[in-house]
Amino acid sequence: MATQALHSAMVDSGGINREHMVQARLMQAVSLALTRGEDLSETMTQLSDYSRAHFLSEEVLMRLYSYSNYLAHQQDHERMVEWLDELLAKKGEQVAMAHAIQELTAIFLRHIGSHDVYLHDFLADLSA
């Protein structure tokens, strides 16, 4: 009984979706701080650290359950991390940062609408 509960908790994509909401809110906070001319250091660090941890947790689940689309999903994570790194490198260049956060947000939303939907369905099938 405890093993089934642990398995269900591990494949619950509700936690993944909550993490997506945190990432989206952090991206919005970066955009807002940019328009206000505020210091972005703390928010950017939070977005970068949180996103990396989230991607890693998804990748662990995919490997644990032998997810067949792991490589493409993981490569998309790598592209988003590269965008985060570019965004961090543009610190102080407000126009370039605004463009970069818009691009990152668009990539993030496409990722959720494709790769993460497939992963969600895969995990839902496991817990059914």
C-alpha atoms as a PDB file:
ATOM      1  CA  MET A   1       0.000   0.000   0.000  1.00  0.00           C
ATOM      2  CA  ALA A   2       2.770   2.485   0.874  1.00  0.00           C
ATOM      3  CA  THR A   3       4.589   1.656  -2.372  1.00  0.00           C
ATOM      4  CA  GLN A   4       1.471   2.514  -4.426  1.00  0.00           C
ATOM      5  CA  ALA A   5       1.064   5.833  -2.569  1.00  0.00           C
ATOM      6  CA  LEU A   6       4.713   6.692  -3.174  1.00  0.00           C
ATOM      7  CA  HIS A   7       4.391   5.797  -6.862  1.00  0.00           C
ATOM      8  CA  SER A   8       1.246   7.951  -7.223  1.00  0.00           C
ATOM      9  CA  ALA A   9       2.948  10.896  -5.540  1.00  0.00           C
ATOM     10  CA  MET A  10       5.986  10.602  -7.804  1.00  0.00           C
ATOM     11  CA  VAL A  11       3.992  10.620 -11.032  1.00  0.00           C
ATOM     12  CA  ASP A  12       1.509  13.302  -9.933  1.00  0.00           C
ATOM     13  CA  SER A  13       1.842  15.945 -12.607  1.00  0.00           C
ATOM     14  CA  GLY A  14      -0.076  18.432 -10.441  1.00  0.00           C
ATOM     15  CA  GLY A  15       3.191  19.283  -8.725  1.00  0.00           C
ATOM     16  CA  ILE A  16       4.837  19.826 -12.087  1.00  0.00           C
ATOM     17  CA  ASN A  17       2.024  22.163 -13.107  1.00  0.00           C
ATOM     18  CA  ARG A  18       2.397  24.161  -9.883  1.00  0.00           C
ATOM     19  CA  GLU A  19       6.097  24.520 -10.673  1.00  0.00           C
ATOM     20  CA  HIS A  20       5.194  25.830 -14.135  1.00  0.00           C
ATOM     21  CA  MET A  21       3.034  28.494 -12.478  1.00  0.00           C
ATOM     22  CA  VAL A  22       5.949  29.572 -10.287  1.00  0.00           C
ATOM     23  CA  GLN A  23       8.192  29.801 -13.353  1.00  0.00           C
ATOM     24  CA  ALA A  24       5.580  31.853 -15.231  1.00  0.00           C
ATOM     25  CA  ARG A  25       5.190  34.216 -12.268  1.00  0.00           C
ATOM     26  CA  LEU A  26       8.946  34.676 -12.037  1.00  0.00           C
ATOM     27  CA  MET A  27       9.104  35.507 -15.759  1.00  0.00           C
ATOM     28  CA  GLN A  28       6.314  38.039 -15.263  1.00  0.00           C
ATOM     29  CA  ALA A  29       8.203  39.515 -12.313  1.00  0.00           C
ATOM     30  CA  VAL A  30      11.312  39.925 -14.480  1.00  0.00           C
ATOM     31  CA  SER A  31       9.277  41.643 -17.212  1.00  0.00           C
ATOM     32  CA  LEU A  32       7.624  43.938 -14.692  1.00  0.00           C
ATOM     33  CA  ALA A  33      10.917  44.813 -13.021  1.00  0.00           C
ATOM     34  CA  LEU A  34      12.366  45.632 -16.437  1.00  0.00           C
ATOM     35  CA  THR A  35       9.543  48.041 -17.265  1.00  0.00           C
ATOM     36  CA  ARG A  36       9.947  49.703 -13.876  1.00  0.00           C
ATOM     37  CA  GLY A  37      13.719  49.931 -14.168  1.00  0.00           C
ATOM     38  CA  GLU A  38      14.184  47.934 -10.964  1.00  0.00           C
ATOM     39  CA  ASP A  39      17.152  45.792 -10.015  1.00  0.00           C
ATOM     40  CA  LEU A  40      16.740  42.315 -11.505  1.00  0.00           C
ATOM     41  CA  SER A  41      19.500  40.449  -9.680  1.00  0.00           C
ATOM     42  CA  GLU A  42      17.395  38.629  -7.113  1.00  0.00           C
ATOM     43  CA  THR A  43      14.467  37.840  -9.424  1.00  0.00           C
ATOM     44  CA  MET A  44      16.742  36.637 -12.216  1.00  0.00           C
ATOM     45  CA  THR A  45      18.634  34.397  -9.814  1.00  0.00           C
ATOM     46  CA  GLN A  46      15.351  32.964  -8.526  1.00  0.00           C
ATOM     47  CA  LEU A  47      14.094  32.325 -12.074  1.00  0.00           C
ATOM     48  CA  SER A  48      17.339  30.695 -13.131  1.00  0.00           C
ATOM     49  CA  ASP A  49      17.748  28.531 -10.029  1.00  0.00           C
ATOM     50  CA  TYR A  50      14.090  27.494  -9.902  1.00  0.00           C
ATOM     51  CA  SER A  51      13.954  26.644 -13.615  1.00  0.00           C
ATOM     52  CA  ARG A  52      17.096  24.537 -13.441  1.00  0.00           C
ATOM     53  CA  ALA A  53      15.746  22.617 -10.441  1.00  0.00           C
ATOM     54  CA  HIS A  54      12.375  22.124 -12.144  1.00  0.00           C
ATOM     55  CA  PHE A  55      13.971  20.843 -15.348  1.00  0.00           C
ATOM     56  CA  LEU A  56      16.126  18.454 -13.364  1.00  0.00           C
ATOM     57  CA  SER A  57      13.125  17.072 -11.471  1.00  0.00           C
ATOM     58  CA  GLU A  58      11.265  16.447 -14.744  1.00  0.00           C
ATOM     59  CA  GLU A  59      14.325  14.764 -16.219  1.00  0.00           C
ATOM     60  CA  VAL A  60      14.659  12.480 -13.200  1.00  0.00           C
ATOM     61  CA  LEU A  61      10.999  11.410 -13.582  1.00  0.00           C
ATOM     62  CA  MET A  62      11.466  10.816 -17.306  1.00  0.00           C
ATOM     63  CA  ARG A  63      14.538   8.647 -16.729  1.00  0.00           C
ATOM     64  CA  LEU A  64      12.962   6.812 -13.817  1.00  0.00           C
ATOM     65  CA  TYR A  65       9.955   5.805 -15.924  1.00  0.00           C
ATOM     66  CA  SER A  66      11.857   5.298 -19.217  1.00  0.00           C
ATOM     67  CA  TYR A  67       9.989   8.077 -21.007  1.00  0.00           C
ATOM     68  CA  SER A  68      10.471   7.538 -24.742  1.00  0.00           C
ATOM     69  CA  ASN A  69      10.617  11.241 -25.639  1.00  0.00           C
ATOM     70  CA  TYR A  70      13.237  12.022 -22.998  1.00  0.00           C
ATOM     71  CA  LEU A  71      15.962  13.284 -25.337  1.00  0.00           C
ATOM     72  CA  ALA A  72      13.816  15.826 -27.208  1.00  0.00           C
ATOM     73  CA  HIS A  73      12.278  17.037 -23.946  1.00  0.00           C
ATOM     74  CA  GLN A  74      15.660  17.340 -22.262  1.00  0.00           C
ATOM     75  CA  GLN A  75      17.106  19.205 -25.264  1.00  0.00           C
ATOM     76  CA  ASP A  76      14.274  21.706 -25.013  1.00  0.00           C
ATOM     77  CA  HIS A  77      15.224  22.216 -21.359  1.00  0.00           C
ATOM     78  CA  GLU A  78      18.816  22.850 -22.461  1.00  0.00           C
ATOM     79  CA  ARG A  79      17.647  25.503 -24.940  1.00  0.00           C
ATOM     80  CA  MET A  80      15.701  27.277 -22.198  1.00  0.00           C
ATOM     81  CA  VAL A  81      18.713  27.173 -19.880  1.00  0.00           C
ATOM     82  CA  GLU A  82      20.773  28.732 -22.703  1.00  0.00           C
ATOM     83  CA  TRP A  83      18.153  31.515 -22.963  1.00  0.00           C
ATOM     84  CA  LEU A  84      18.347  32.020 -19.204  1.00  0.00           C
ATOM     85  CA  ASP A  85      22.127  32.286 -19.448  1.00  0.00           C
ATOM     86  CA  GLU A  86      21.805  34.793 -22.305  1.00  0.00           C
ATOM     87  CA  LEU A  87      19.321  36.781 -20.291  1.00  0.00           C
ATOM     88  CA  LEU A  88      21.695  36.871 -17.337  1.00  0.00           C
ATOM     89  CA  ALA A  89      24.534  37.934 -19.658  1.00  0.00           C
ATOM     90  CA  LYS A  90      22.467  40.894 -20.911  1.00  0.00           C
ATOM     91  CA  LYS A  91      22.165  42.318 -17.402  1.00  0.00           C
ATOM     92  CA  GLY A  92      22.078  46.075 -17.608  1.00  0.00           C
ATOM     93  CA  GLU A  93      20.966  46.126 -21.255  1.00  0.00           C
ATOM     94  CA  GLN A  94      17.289  46.841 -20.679  1.00  0.00           C
ATOM     95  CA  VAL A  95      16.071  46.612 -24.295  1.00  0.00           C
ATOM     96  CA  ALA A  96      18.013  43.406 -24.975  1.00  0.00           C
ATOM     97  CA  MET A  97      16.777  41.892 -21.707  1.00  0.00           C
ATOM     98  CA  ALA A  98      13.163  42.801 -22.480  1.00  0.00           C
ATOM     99  CA  HIS A  99      13.446  41.074 -25.848  1.00  0.00           C
ATOM    100  CA  ALA A 100      15.157  38.041 -24.297  1.00  0.00           C
ATOM    101  CA  ILE A 101      12.529  37.578 -21.574  1.00  0.00           C
ATOM    102  CA  GLN A 102       9.757  37.809 -24.179  1.00  0.00           C
ATOM    103  CA  GLU A 103      11.477  35.134 -26.272  1.00  0.00           C
ATOM    104  CA  LEU A 104      12.093  32.931 -23.235  1.00  0.00           C
ATOM    105  CA  THR A 105       8.452  33.236 -22.178  1.00  0.00           C
ATOM    106  CA  ALA A 106       7.281  32.247 -25.673  1.00  0.00           C
ATOM    107  CA  ILE A 107       9.640  29.246 -25.722  1.00  0.00           C
ATOM    108  CA  PHE A 108       8.483  28.264 -22.228  1.00  0.00           C
ATOM    109  CA  LEU A 109       4.803  28.414 -23.218  1.00  0.00           C
ATOM    110  CA  ARG A 110       5.423  26.345 -26.372  1.00  0.00           C
ATOM    111  CA  HIS A 111       7.322  23.800 -24.261  1.00  0.00           C
ATOM    112  CA  ILE A 112       4.456  23.476 -21.797  1.00  0.00           C
ATOM    113  CA  GLY A 113       1.943  23.180 -24.633  1.00  0.00           C
ATOM    114  CA  SER A 114       3.845  20.376 -26.306  1.00  0.00           C
ATOM    115  CA  HIS A 115       6.539  18.471 -24.405  1.00  0.00           C
ATOM    116  CA  ASP A 116       4.961  18.885 -20.989  1.00  0.00           C
ATOM    117  CA  VAL A 117       1.490  17.922 -22.230  1.00  0.00           C
ATOM    118  CA  TYR A 118       2.938  14.668 -23.578  1.00  0.00           C
ATOM    119  CA  LEU A 119       4.815  14.065 -20.327  1.00  0.00           C
ATOM    120  CA  HIS A 120       1.666  14.796 -18.318  1.00  0.00           C
ATOM    121  CA  ASP A 121      -0.297  12.263 -20.377  1.00  0.00           C
ATOM    122  CA  PHE A 122       2.476   9.680 -19.976  1.00  0.00           C
ATOM    123  CA  LEU A 123       2.562  10.149 -16.191  1.00  0.00           C
ATOM    124  CA  ALA A 124      -1.249  10.069 -15.977  1.00  0.00           C
ATOM    125  CA  ASP A 125      -1.250   6.719 -17.783  1.00  0.00           C
ATOM    126  CA  LEU A 126       1.250   5.376 -15.252  1.00  0.00           C
ATOM    127  CA  SER A 127      -0.879   6.309 -12.278  1.00  0.00           C
ATOM    128  CA  ALA A 128      -4.132   5.014 -13.809  1.00  0.00           C
END
